[in-house]
Amino acid sequence: MPELSVVIVGGLHADARRATVAQLLADVPDSVVLHHDLATATAGTVVRTISDATGVVSAGEAPLVNDCACCALREDLVPELLRIRDAGGTRMAVVELWDSVEPKAMAEVVTAGGLTVTGVITAVDPALVLPYLGNGDDLAERGLAAAATDQRTVADTFARQLEYAPVLAVVDSPEADDEDRELLAQLHPTARQVPIGHGDLAGAPAPGAIAPDPAEGGLTVPAPRRRPLSPLAQAALAGFDVEAADAAQHPACALLPAEADAHGVSTFVWHRRRPFHPERLYAALEDLTCAAARSRGRFWLADKPDVLLHWDAAGGALCVESVGPWLASLPDAAWEMVPPVRRAAAALDWHPEHGDCCQHLVFTSPGLDRDGLAQLLESCLLTDAEYAAGRDAWKQLPPAFDTLLEV
């Protein structure tokens, strides 16, 4: 079958997303954009449009599946992309996600459908990063829920959209200042940032343009050639590894941001080898959650010493969940079933007594009180006497997190 590059562009910053899509269509000849508008789901359908650089090419409806707009998107997306591929003549299909749809799920759906995802891009207005990270409203309150059962918030959805994509398309926002741009850089330091609005090469001749022939002193028509791809188009077509992207988000092996401090924004990394006392940590959750615009990582509770716990906070709300055992808790025979990337991450941080069990939390925010945060976290650890009592005694501590973990 003819090759088709699929590029996923998402993000809650709708104006930035549309500008990114428009630039991709202008920069890459023979490209189209496929968009499912979930705002019409309350009427029982999802509206699908396919457009090129000149405007809408076709429109149709996809029925809801199990009263879920996102499910309808999943069912309709791959068949439409396959139809575009099989029809030929299209070099790149841009999947413009609706506001609250997360790129991870769609990248996995497209790849599982036998298509090639060459890029995942989140479009961002740097002036809106902090307001969105601080917005604890439910998506449903903002008319952004993808299903009746959608319980996500604006903040946690935006954080996942931002941190999953290896490429950030950053619009030139006059309202953004150095603090806004620094916050964006510290939240996702490994991302490739591509400015929007500066993709065309100044003075580049159009394909097939007439140019002077220096040997003859006249004019000639050079051999047809394509204009060099813009930085945004290069990023969109560079290639994307779904498995690697998934591993980069897994709490056990995520490449978390490093220490940083610039333009009033700080990233504080806290790493310890002693477990938390469950009651003291639980009592401190509100203060810890509100201490930073964004915090994430993995942590270790004394009463559950074999369980790796995920910390994910944004917008003043915290999500805590178990993501399985620490590798140190597994028998040697079970290690063969663990992905190599996780084994490698554990080996880099292995402790002779506790293995990979640890506290590794990262807090990023303007105006971060690093000293106060460190003091609060330290106060939640086991004391020397509690630590010396050993694991059997730890497991008898009050299970303060059972309700939060729905045990």
Protein backbone atom coordinates (compact mmCIF):
# COMPACT_ATOMS: atom_id res chain seq x y z
CA MET A 1 0.00 0.00 0.00
CA PRO A 2 1.18 3.58 -0.56
CA GLU A 3 2.87 5.11 2.46
CA LEU A 4 0.94 7.67 4.49
CA SER A 5 2.48 9.68 7.30
CA VAL A 6 0.06 10.26 10.17
CA VAL A 7 0.75 13.24 12.43
CA ILE A 8 -1.23 13.78 15.61
CA VAL A 9 -1.72 17.36 16.80
CA GLY A 10 -3.50 17.95 20.10
CA GLY A 11 -3.84 20.33 23.00
CA LEU A 12 -6.42 22.24 25.00
CA HIS A 13 -5.07 25.53 23.59
CA ALA A 14 -7.43 25.48 20.61
CA ASP A 15 -6.14 28.60 18.83
CA ALA A 16 -2.55 27.35 19.06
CA ARG A 17 -3.64 23.93 17.79
CA ARG A 18 -5.46 25.38 14.78
CA ALA A 19 -2.48 27.59 13.92
CA THR A 20 -0.20 24.57 14.05
CA VAL A 21 -2.45 22.53 11.78
CA ALA A 22 -2.76 25.41 9.31
CA GLN A 23 1.00 25.77 9.12
CA LEU A 24 1.47 22.03 8.54
CA LEU A 25 -1.03 22.09 5.67
CA ALA A 26 0.76 25.08 4.16
CA ASP A 27 4.23 23.58 4.63
CA VAL A 28 3.64 20.02 3.37
CA PRO A 29 2.15 19.58 -0.11
CA ASP A 30 -0.47 16.85 -0.60
CA SER A 31 -1.55 16.88 3.03
CA VAL A 32 -4.98 16.81 4.67
CA VAL A 33 -6.33 17.26 8.18
CA LEU A 34 -8.87 14.93 9.76
CA HIS A 35 -10.85 16.32 12.70
CA HIS A 36 -13.64 14.87 14.84
CA ASP A 37 -15.68 17.54 16.62
CA LEU A 38 -16.85 16.02 19.90
CA ALA A 39 -18.81 19.15 20.85
CA THR A 40 -21.80 17.74 18.95
CA ALA A 41 -21.83 14.49 20.94
CA THR A 42 -24.77 15.67 23.07
CA ALA A 43 -26.87 15.44 19.90
CA GLY A 44 -25.86 11.81 19.46
CA THR A 45 -23.20 12.15 16.75
CA VAL A 46 -19.63 13.20 16.19
CA VAL A 47 -18.97 15.43 13.17
CA ARG A 48 -15.97 14.46 11.05
CA THR A 49 -14.34 16.86 8.59
CA ILE A 50 -11.46 16.36 6.18
CA SER A 51 -9.76 19.51 4.92
CA ASP A 52 -6.76 20.54 2.88
CA ALA A 53 -5.01 23.88 2.56
CA THR A 54 -7.93 25.27 0.52
CA GLY A 55 -10.72 24.32 2.94
CA VAL A 56 -13.12 21.50 3.78
CA VAL A 57 -12.99 18.59 1.33
CA SER A 58 -15.63 16.37 2.92
CA ALA A 59 -17.77 16.13 6.04
CA GLY A 60 -19.73 13.33 7.67
CA GLU A 61 -21.00 11.97 10.95
CA ALA A 62 -19.87 9.13 13.14
CA PRO A 63 -22.48 7.71 15.54
CA LEU A 64 -21.75 7.52 19.25
CA VAL A 65 -20.49 4.21 20.59
CA ASN A 66 -21.78 3.30 24.06
CA ASP A 67 -22.69 6.97 24.58
CA CYS A 68 -18.98 7.80 24.40
CA ALA A 69 -17.71 10.41 21.94
CA CYS A 70 -14.11 9.26 22.34
CA CYS A 71 -15.17 5.68 21.55
CA ALA A 72 -16.79 6.92 18.36
CA LEU A 73 -13.56 8.68 17.46
CA ARG A 74 -11.58 5.46 17.96
CA GLU A 75 -14.00 3.44 15.83
CA ASP A 76 -14.07 5.98 12.99
CA LEU A 77 -10.49 7.28 12.90
CA VAL A 78 -8.56 4.29 11.54
CA PRO A 79 -11.06 3.40 8.76
CA GLU A 80 -10.99 7.01 7.54
CA LEU A 81 -7.19 7.09 7.57
CA LEU A 82 -7.05 3.79 5.68
CA ARG A 83 -9.48 5.18 3.11
CA ILE A 84 -7.29 8.26 2.65
CA ARG A 85 -4.19 6.07 2.30
CA ASP A 86 -5.77 3.67 -0.20
CA ALA A 87 -7.12 6.50 -2.33
CA GLY A 88 -3.54 7.66 -2.90
CA GLY A 89 -2.24 11.14 -3.58
CA THR A 90 -1.92 12.13 0.08
CA ARG A 91 1.51 12.44 1.62
CA MET A 92 0.53 13.36 5.19
CA ALA A 93 -2.66 13.10 7.21
CA VAL A 94 -2.84 15.40 10.21
CA VAL A 95 -5.16 14.16 12.94
CA GLU A 96 -6.29 17.28 14.78
CA LEU A 97 -7.59 16.06 18.12
CA TRP A 98 -10.56 17.73 19.77
CA ASP A 99 -9.72 19.83 22.83
CA SER A 100 -9.62 17.27 25.66
CA VAL A 101 -8.66 14.17 23.66
CA GLU A 102 -5.25 12.92 24.79
CA PRO A 103 -2.63 12.07 22.15
CA LYS A 104 -1.38 8.89 23.87
CA ALA A 105 -4.59 6.94 23.31
CA MET A 106 -4.95 8.09 19.70
CA ALA A 107 -1.31 7.36 18.80
CA GLU A 108 -1.77 3.83 20.11
CA VAL A 109 -5.07 3.39 18.20
CA VAL A 110 -3.55 4.56 14.90
CA THR A 111 -0.45 2.38 15.31
CA ALA A 112 -2.53 -0.68 16.21
CA GLY A 113 -4.52 -0.03 13.02
CA GLY A 114 -1.41 -0.68 10.92
CA LEU A 115 -0.66 2.95 10.09
CA THR A 116 2.55 4.88 10.65
CA VAL A 117 2.58 7.71 13.16
CA THR A 118 5.51 9.94 12.25
CA GLY A 119 4.91 12.69 14.78
CA VAL A 120 2.95 13.68 17.87
CA ILE A 121 2.71 17.41 18.55
CA THR A 122 1.06 19.35 21.34
CA ALA A 123 0.30 22.98 20.49
CA VAL A 124 0.89 25.44 23.29
CA ASP A 125 0.38 29.11 24.06
CA PRO A 126 3.04 29.77 26.73
CA ALA A 127 0.92 32.51 28.33
CA LEU A 128 -1.76 29.89 29.10
CA VAL A 129 0.44 27.17 30.60
CA LEU A 130 0.16 28.30 34.23
CA PRO A 131 -3.58 29.17 34.06
CA TYR A 132 -4.36 25.73 32.64
CA LEU A 133 -2.09 23.88 35.08
CA GLY A 134 -3.81 25.70 37.91
CA ASN A 135 -7.33 24.96 36.68
CA GLY A 136 -8.85 22.23 38.83
CA ASP A 137 -12.29 22.42 37.16
CA ASP A 138 -13.76 19.19 35.87
CA LEU A 139 -13.80 19.01 32.07
CA ALA A 140 -17.56 18.53 32.26
CA GLU A 141 -17.93 21.95 33.91
CA ARG A 142 -16.19 23.53 30.91
CA GLY A 143 -18.09 21.55 28.27
CA LEU A 144 -14.96 19.59 27.44
CA ALA A 145 -15.83 16.10 28.69
CA ALA A 146 -15.39 13.34 26.11
CA ALA A 147 -17.98 11.09 27.78
CA ALA A 148 -20.68 11.28 30.41
CA THR A 149 -18.38 9.39 32.78
CA ASP A 150 -15.35 11.63 32.11
CA GLN A 151 -13.97 12.71 35.50
CA ARG A 152 -10.76 14.35 34.34
CA THR A 153 -9.88 17.93 35.18
CA VAL A 154 -8.54 20.68 32.95
CA ALA A 155 -5.18 20.65 34.76
CA ASP A 156 -4.41 16.94 34.68
CA THR A 157 -5.56 16.61 31.06
CA PHE A 158 -3.38 19.50 29.95
CA ALA A 159 -0.39 18.10 31.87
CA ARG A 160 -0.65 14.73 30.11
CA GLN A 161 -1.12 16.35 26.69
CA LEU A 162 1.97 18.46 27.28
CA GLU A 163 4.27 15.80 28.69
CA TYR A 164 3.49 12.97 26.24
CA ALA A 165 4.40 14.79 23.02
CA PRO A 166 8.08 14.91 22.02
CA VAL A 167 7.36 18.09 20.03
CA LEU A 168 5.74 21.28 21.30
CA ALA A 169 4.45 23.76 18.73
CA VAL A 170 4.76 27.08 20.56
CA VAL A 171 2.79 30.03 19.24
CA ASP A 172 4.26 33.51 19.41
CA SER A 173 2.13 34.96 22.22
CA PRO A 174 2.58 38.67 23.04
CA GLU A 175 1.15 38.01 26.51
CA ALA A 176 3.85 35.48 27.37
CA ASP A 177 6.87 36.56 29.41
CA ASP A 178 10.16 34.91 30.40
CA GLU A 179 8.54 33.19 33.38
CA ASP A 180 5.90 31.58 31.15
CA ARG A 181 8.51 30.30 28.70
CA GLU A 182 10.74 29.04 31.51
CA LEU A 183 7.84 27.16 33.10
CA LEU A 184 7.15 25.45 29.79
CA ALA A 185 10.82 24.52 29.38
CA GLN A 186 11.09 23.08 32.90
CA LEU A 187 7.86 21.10 32.66
CA HIS A 188 9.07 19.25 29.55
CA PRO A 189 12.82 19.83 29.20
CA THR A 190 13.37 17.06 26.62
CA ALA A 191 10.72 18.34 24.20
CA ARG A 192 11.67 19.90 20.90
CA GLN A 193 10.05 23.34 20.82
CA VAL A 194 9.11 24.62 17.37
CA PRO A 195 7.91 28.23 17.02
CA ILE A 196 4.74 28.70 14.99
CA GLY A 197 4.60 31.40 12.37
CA HIS A 198 8.23 31.21 11.30
CA GLY A 199 8.27 27.95 9.37
CA ASP A 200 8.60 29.31 5.81
CA LEU A 201 12.11 29.95 4.57
CA ALA A 202 12.45 33.61 3.64
CA GLY A 203 13.32 34.07 0.00
CA ALA A 204 13.04 30.38 -0.89
CA PRO A 205 11.95 29.98 -4.51
CA ALA A 206 8.66 28.24 -5.18
CA PRO A 207 8.95 24.79 -6.78
CA GLY A 208 9.61 25.11 -10.51
CA ALA A 209 10.22 28.89 -10.36
CA ILE A 210 12.17 30.52 -13.18
CA ALA A 211 15.65 31.56 -12.10
CA PRO A 212 18.61 33.22 -13.92
CA ASP A 213 21.12 30.94 -15.62
CA PRO A 214 24.56 32.47 -14.84
CA ALA A 215 26.23 30.63 -17.74
CA GLU A 216 23.86 31.97 -20.37
CA GLY A 217 22.89 35.24 -18.73
CA GLY A 218 19.29 34.44 -19.43
CA LEU A 219 16.42 32.57 -17.84
CA THR A 220 15.85 28.87 -17.56
CA VAL A 221 13.44 26.58 -15.79
CA PRO A 222 15.33 24.40 -13.31
CA ALA A 223 14.35 20.81 -12.64
CA PRO A 224 11.25 20.72 -10.40
CA ARG A 225 12.13 20.46 -6.75
CA ARG A 226 10.34 20.74 -3.46
CA ARG A 227 11.00 23.60 -1.12
CA PRO A 228 12.97 22.46 1.95
CA LEU A 229 10.71 21.34 4.76
CA SER A 230 10.06 23.80 7.55
CA PRO A 231 11.22 22.94 11.11
CA LEU A 232 7.61 22.10 12.02
CA ALA A 233 7.20 19.77 9.05
CA GLN A 234 10.56 18.13 9.80
CA ALA A 235 9.44 17.48 13.37
CA ALA A 236 6.11 16.11 12.18
CA LEU A 237 7.77 13.63 9.83
CA ALA A 238 10.76 12.70 11.98
CA GLY A 239 9.27 9.46 13.33
CA PHE A 240 7.55 8.39 16.52
CA ASP A 241 7.94 5.29 18.71
CA VAL A 242 4.72 4.47 20.58
CA GLU A 243 6.39 1.96 22.91
CA ALA A 244 9.18 4.36 23.84
CA ALA A 245 6.66 7.14 24.47
CA ASP A 246 4.66 4.87 26.74
CA ALA A 247 7.77 3.90 28.71
CA ALA A 248 8.72 7.56 29.09
CA GLN A 249 5.44 8.14 30.94
CA HIS A 250 5.55 5.07 33.18
CA PRO A 251 6.22 6.08 36.81
CA ALA A 252 8.86 3.40 37.25
CA CYS A 253 11.09 4.59 34.43
CA ALA A 254 9.90 8.08 33.46
CA LEU A 255 12.67 10.55 32.69
CA LEU A 256 11.59 13.22 35.16
CA PRO A 257 12.83 16.83 34.98
CA ALA A 258 16.10 17.71 36.70
CA GLU A 259 16.81 20.51 39.17
CA ALA A 260 16.40 23.97 37.66
CA ASP A 261 15.98 27.56 38.79
CA ALA A 262 15.56 30.48 36.38
CA HIS A 263 13.27 33.45 35.70
CA GLY A 264 11.38 32.87 38.95
CA VAL A 265 10.58 29.23 38.13
CA SER A 266 12.06 26.30 40.03
CA THR A 267 12.13 22.53 39.69
CA PHE A 268 12.87 20.76 42.97
CA VAL A 269 13.89 17.10 42.87
CA TRP A 270 13.52 15.13 46.11
CA HIS A 271 15.07 11.66 46.30
CA ARG A 272 15.28 9.51 49.46
CA ARG A 273 15.79 5.85 50.38
CA ARG A 274 13.50 5.71 53.42
CA PRO A 275 9.73 5.02 53.23
CA PHE A 276 7.00 7.44 54.19
CA HIS A 277 4.95 7.03 57.34
CA PRO A 278 1.43 6.63 55.86
CA GLU A 279 -0.43 8.78 58.41
CA ARG A 280 2.05 11.66 58.37
CA LEU A 281 2.18 11.74 54.61
CA TYR A 282 -1.61 11.60 54.33
CA ALA A 283 -1.93 14.53 56.73
CA ALA A 284 0.48 16.56 54.56
CA LEU A 285 -1.13 15.79 51.19
CA GLU A 286 -3.03 19.05 50.82
CA ASP A 287 0.02 21.20 51.55
CA LEU A 288 2.23 19.10 49.26
CA THR A 289 -0.29 19.11 46.43
CA CYS A 290 -0.74 22.89 46.56
CA ALA A 291 2.98 23.61 46.93
CA ALA A 292 3.62 23.52 43.17
CA ALA A 293 1.81 24.01 39.90
CA ARG A 294 2.91 20.52 38.89
CA SER A 295 4.37 17.58 40.80
CA ARG A 296 4.90 13.97 39.78
CA GLY A 297 7.00 10.91 40.46
CA ARG A 298 7.00 7.68 42.41
CA PHE A 299 6.92 7.07 46.14
CA TRP A 300 7.24 4.38 48.80
CA LEU A 301 4.88 3.79 51.74
CA ALA A 302 6.06 1.88 54.81
CA ASP A 303 2.83 -0.09 55.25
CA LYS A 304 2.95 -1.16 51.58
CA PRO A 305 6.70 -1.66 51.12
CA ASP A 306 6.37 -3.84 48.01
CA VAL A 307 4.07 -1.49 46.07
CA LEU A 308 5.29 1.20 43.67
CA LEU A 309 2.99 4.21 43.98
CA HIS A 310 2.51 6.96 41.41
CA TRP A 311 2.22 10.64 42.40
CA ASP A 312 0.50 12.90 39.85
CA ALA A 313 -0.65 16.38 40.89
CA ALA A 314 -1.84 19.47 39.00
CA GLY A 315 -4.47 22.13 39.58
CA GLY A 316 -4.50 21.55 43.33
CA ALA A 317 -5.65 17.94 42.88
CA LEU A 318 -3.63 14.78 43.47
CA CYS A 319 -4.00 11.37 41.86
CA VAL A 320 -2.31 8.48 43.67
CA GLU A 321 -2.34 4.99 42.23
CA SER A 322 -0.55 1.68 42.50
CA VAL A 323 1.37 0.69 39.39
CA GLY A 324 2.45 -2.74 40.56
CA PRO A 325 5.40 -4.04 42.57
CA TRP A 326 8.86 -2.62 42.88
CA LEU A 327 11.33 -4.81 41.00
CA ALA A 328 13.08 -5.52 44.29
CA SER A 329 9.90 -7.30 45.41
CA LEU A 330 9.82 -9.69 42.45
CA PRO A 331 11.48 -13.11 42.30
CA ASP A 332 14.36 -13.34 39.85
CA ALA A 333 12.31 -15.49 37.47
CA ALA A 334 9.72 -12.72 37.05
CA TRP A 335 12.28 -10.20 35.80
CA GLU A 336 12.15 -11.69 32.30
CA MET A 337 8.55 -10.46 32.03
CA VAL A 338 9.54 -6.88 32.84
CA PRO A 339 10.24 -4.55 29.87
CA PRO A 340 13.99 -3.97 29.32
CA VAL A 341 13.61 -0.20 29.70
CA ARG A 342 12.27 -0.64 33.20
CA ARG A 343 15.05 -3.06 34.17
CA ALA A 344 17.60 -0.56 32.86
CA ALA A 345 16.02 2.32 34.80
CA ALA A 346 16.05 0.27 38.01
CA ALA A 347 19.68 -0.76 37.50
CA LEU A 348 20.73 2.88 37.23
CA ASP A 349 19.17 3.65 40.62
CA TRP A 350 19.68 0.35 42.46
CA HIS A 351 20.36 0.37 46.20
CA PRO A 352 22.15 -2.63 47.79
CA GLU A 353 19.53 -2.90 50.55
CA HIS A 354 16.29 -1.57 49.05
CA GLY A 355 16.79 -2.16 45.33
CA ASP A 356 14.65 0.27 43.33
CA CYS A 357 12.38 1.21 46.29
CA CYS A 358 12.68 4.94 46.83
CA GLN A 359 11.09 8.37 46.92
CA HIS A 360 11.55 10.30 43.68
CA LEU A 361 9.27 13.32 43.51
CA VAL A 362 9.65 16.40 41.31
CA PHE A 363 7.94 19.75 41.94
CA THR A 364 7.85 22.52 39.30
CA SER A 365 6.37 25.98 39.85
CA PRO A 366 6.96 29.71 39.89
CA GLY A 367 7.72 30.97 43.40
CA LEU A 368 8.47 27.50 44.76
CA ASP A 369 9.39 27.34 48.48
CA ARG A 370 12.09 24.71 48.13
CA ASP A 371 13.23 24.77 51.77
CA GLY A 372 9.71 24.58 53.16
CA LEU A 373 8.83 21.78 50.77
CA ALA A 374 11.93 19.79 51.66
CA GLN A 375 11.25 20.19 55.38
CA LEU A 376 7.65 19.02 55.00
CA LEU A 377 8.65 15.98 52.94
CA GLU A 378 11.39 15.02 55.42
CA SER A 379 8.90 15.17 58.29
CA CYS A 380 6.77 12.52 56.58
CA LEU A 381 9.53 9.90 56.46
CA LEU A 382 9.92 7.17 59.07
CA THR A 383 11.93 8.26 62.08
CA ASP A 384 15.17 6.44 62.90
CA ALA A 385 13.37 4.30 65.49
CA GLU A 386 10.48 3.48 63.11
CA TYR A 387 12.88 2.64 60.33
CA ALA A 388 15.00 0.37 62.57
CA ALA A 389 11.89 -1.64 63.57
CA GLY A 390 11.94 -3.30 60.13
CA ARG A 391 9.43 -4.27 57.47
CA ASP A 392 7.21 -6.45 59.62
CA ALA A 393 6.63 -3.51 61.95
CA TRP A 394 6.13 -1.12 59.01
CA LYS A 395 3.29 -3.25 57.67
CA GLN A 396 1.42 -2.84 60.97
CA LEU A 397 1.25 0.96 60.61
CA PRO A 398 -2.25 2.41 60.03
CA PRO A 399 -3.22 2.05 56.32
CA ALA A 400 -4.07 5.71 55.78
CA PHE A 401 -4.01 5.43 51.97
CA ASP A 402 -6.38 2.48 51.54
CA THR A 403 -9.38 4.70 50.80
CA LEU A 404 -7.43 6.84 48.33
CA LEU A 405 -6.11 3.74 46.59
CA GLU A 406 -9.56 2.06 46.72
CA VAL A 407 -8.04 -1.04 48.33
